[in-house]
Amino acid sequence: MPSTSVNLQQLRALPKTDREMLLESIVLRTFREHLFLEDSDDLSVEENYFDLGLTSLQLTEVKEHIEHTFECEVDTTLLFNDPTIAQLLEHLDELITQNGGSRQ
């Protein structure tokens, strides 16, 4: 899996719609890789990723990848209590815009 980070200053400067589309694209790609669905466009942000077969170990790997990519800290509790990509995207957008994406 590529180990690149996003330029957070440029990401924050994007209009909200463009920022959300970029976040969604990156996060969906990460989930597809961990669910072995790289060639599929059938992954919805509203689906429960545990129902799709993601294990807690895979989720930990996804979390670490996202934290590295966006230079932020994702709340593990949120990932288990609201297990949809849509909830994660909302959380990420808040982290990036409110906290500047910095780890606290």
Protein backbone atom coordinates (compact mmCIF):
# COMPACT_ATOMS: atom_id res chain seq x y z
CA MET A 1 0.00 0.00 0.00
CA PRO A 2 1.43 3.42 -0.90
CA SER A 3 2.80 5.32 2.04
CA THR A 4 2.09 8.91 1.06
CA SER A 5 0.66 11.74 3.07
CA VAL A 6 -1.66 14.47 1.87
CA ASN A 7 -0.69 18.12 1.92
CA LEU A 8 -3.13 19.22 4.61
CA GLN A 9 -2.77 22.93 3.92
CA GLN A 10 -3.81 22.39 0.30
CA LEU A 11 -6.58 20.00 1.38
CA ARG A 12 -8.03 22.55 3.84
CA ALA A 13 -7.91 25.22 1.12
CA LEU A 14 -10.17 23.19 -1.18
CA PRO A 15 -13.88 23.97 -1.33
CA LYS A 16 -15.80 21.66 1.02
CA THR A 17 -17.31 19.60 -1.81
CA ASP A 18 -13.92 19.02 -3.46
CA ARG A 19 -12.29 18.19 -0.12
CA GLU A 20 -15.02 15.67 0.69
CA MET A 21 -14.69 14.04 -2.74
CA LEU A 22 -10.91 13.70 -2.32
CA LEU A 23 -11.26 12.31 1.20
CA GLU A 24 -13.87 9.81 0.01
CA SER A 25 -11.68 8.68 -2.87
CA ILE A 26 -8.64 8.08 -0.67
CA VAL A 27 -10.57 6.38 2.14
CA LEU A 28 -12.57 4.15 -0.23
CA ARG A 29 -9.36 3.06 -1.94
CA THR A 30 -7.87 2.17 1.46
CA PHE A 31 -10.92 0.11 2.45
CA ARG A 32 -11.02 -1.61 -0.96
CA GLU A 33 -7.40 -2.67 -0.55
CA HIS A 34 -8.06 -4.16 2.89
CA LEU A 35 -11.24 -5.89 1.75
CA PHE A 36 -9.49 -7.18 -1.39
CA LEU A 37 -11.98 -5.30 -3.58
CA GLU A 38 -9.45 -3.25 -5.58
CA ASP A 39 -11.22 -4.02 -8.86
CA SER A 40 -14.69 -3.27 -7.53
CA ASP A 41 -16.70 -0.07 -7.51
CA ASP A 42 -19.42 -1.68 -5.41
CA LEU A 43 -18.28 -0.33 -2.05
CA SER A 44 -20.76 2.17 -0.59
CA VAL A 45 -19.84 4.65 2.13
CA GLU A 46 -23.10 3.77 3.91
CA GLU A 47 -22.35 0.06 4.30
CA ASN A 48 -21.17 -1.40 7.59
CA TYR A 49 -17.59 -2.43 6.90
CA PHE A 50 -17.80 -5.33 9.36
CA ASP A 51 -20.75 -6.70 7.38
CA LEU A 52 -18.50 -6.60 4.33
CA GLY A 53 -15.99 -8.85 6.08
CA LEU A 54 -13.49 -6.37 7.49
CA THR A 55 -11.85 -7.74 10.65
CA SER A 56 -10.80 -5.67 13.64
CA LEU A 57 -7.15 -6.29 12.71
CA GLN A 58 -7.77 -4.98 9.20
CA LEU A 59 -9.59 -1.98 10.67
CA THR A 60 -6.54 -1.23 12.80
CA GLU A 61 -4.41 -1.29 9.65
CA VAL A 62 -6.88 1.01 7.86
CA LYS A 63 -6.82 3.38 10.84
CA GLU A 64 -3.01 3.49 10.86
CA HIS A 65 -2.91 4.12 7.12
CA ILE A 66 -5.46 6.94 7.36
CA GLU A 67 -3.66 8.51 10.34
CA HIS A 68 -0.39 8.47 8.41
CA THR A 69 -1.97 9.80 5.22
CA PHE A 70 -3.84 12.66 6.88
CA GLU A 71 -1.44 13.25 9.79
CA CYS A 72 -4.21 13.03 12.36
CA GLU A 73 -5.46 10.74 15.10
CA VAL A 74 -8.67 8.83 14.40
CA ASP A 75 -10.86 7.93 17.37
CA THR A 76 -10.87 4.12 17.59
CA THR A 77 -14.17 4.13 19.50
CA LEU A 78 -15.84 5.91 16.61
CA LEU A 79 -14.63 3.25 14.18
CA PHE A 80 -16.30 0.49 16.20
CA ASN A 81 -19.44 2.35 17.31
CA ASP A 82 -20.31 3.84 13.90
CA PRO A 83 -18.79 1.34 11.46
CA THR A 84 -19.47 3.09 8.17
CA ILE A 85 -17.11 4.93 5.88
CA ALA A 86 -19.55 7.86 5.87
CA GLN A 87 -19.09 8.35 9.63
CA LEU A 88 -15.33 8.10 9.27
CA LEU A 89 -15.35 10.67 6.44
CA GLU A 90 -17.36 13.09 8.55
CA HIS A 91 -14.93 12.63 11.44
CA LEU A 92 -11.90 13.11 9.16
CA ASP A 93 -13.28 16.28 7.63
CA GLU A 94 -13.85 17.72 11.11
CA LEU A 95 -10.33 16.77 12.20
CA ILE A 96 -8.73 18.30 9.16
CA THR A 97 -10.68 21.54 9.16
CA GLN A 98 -10.95 22.19 12.91
CA ASN A 99 -7.64 20.88 14.21
CA GLY A 100 -5.62 21.45 11.12
CA GLY A 101 -5.15 17.69 10.92
CA SER A 102 -2.43 17.73 13.55
CA ARG A 103 -2.06 14.89 15.98
CA GLN A 104 -2.78 16.03 19.48
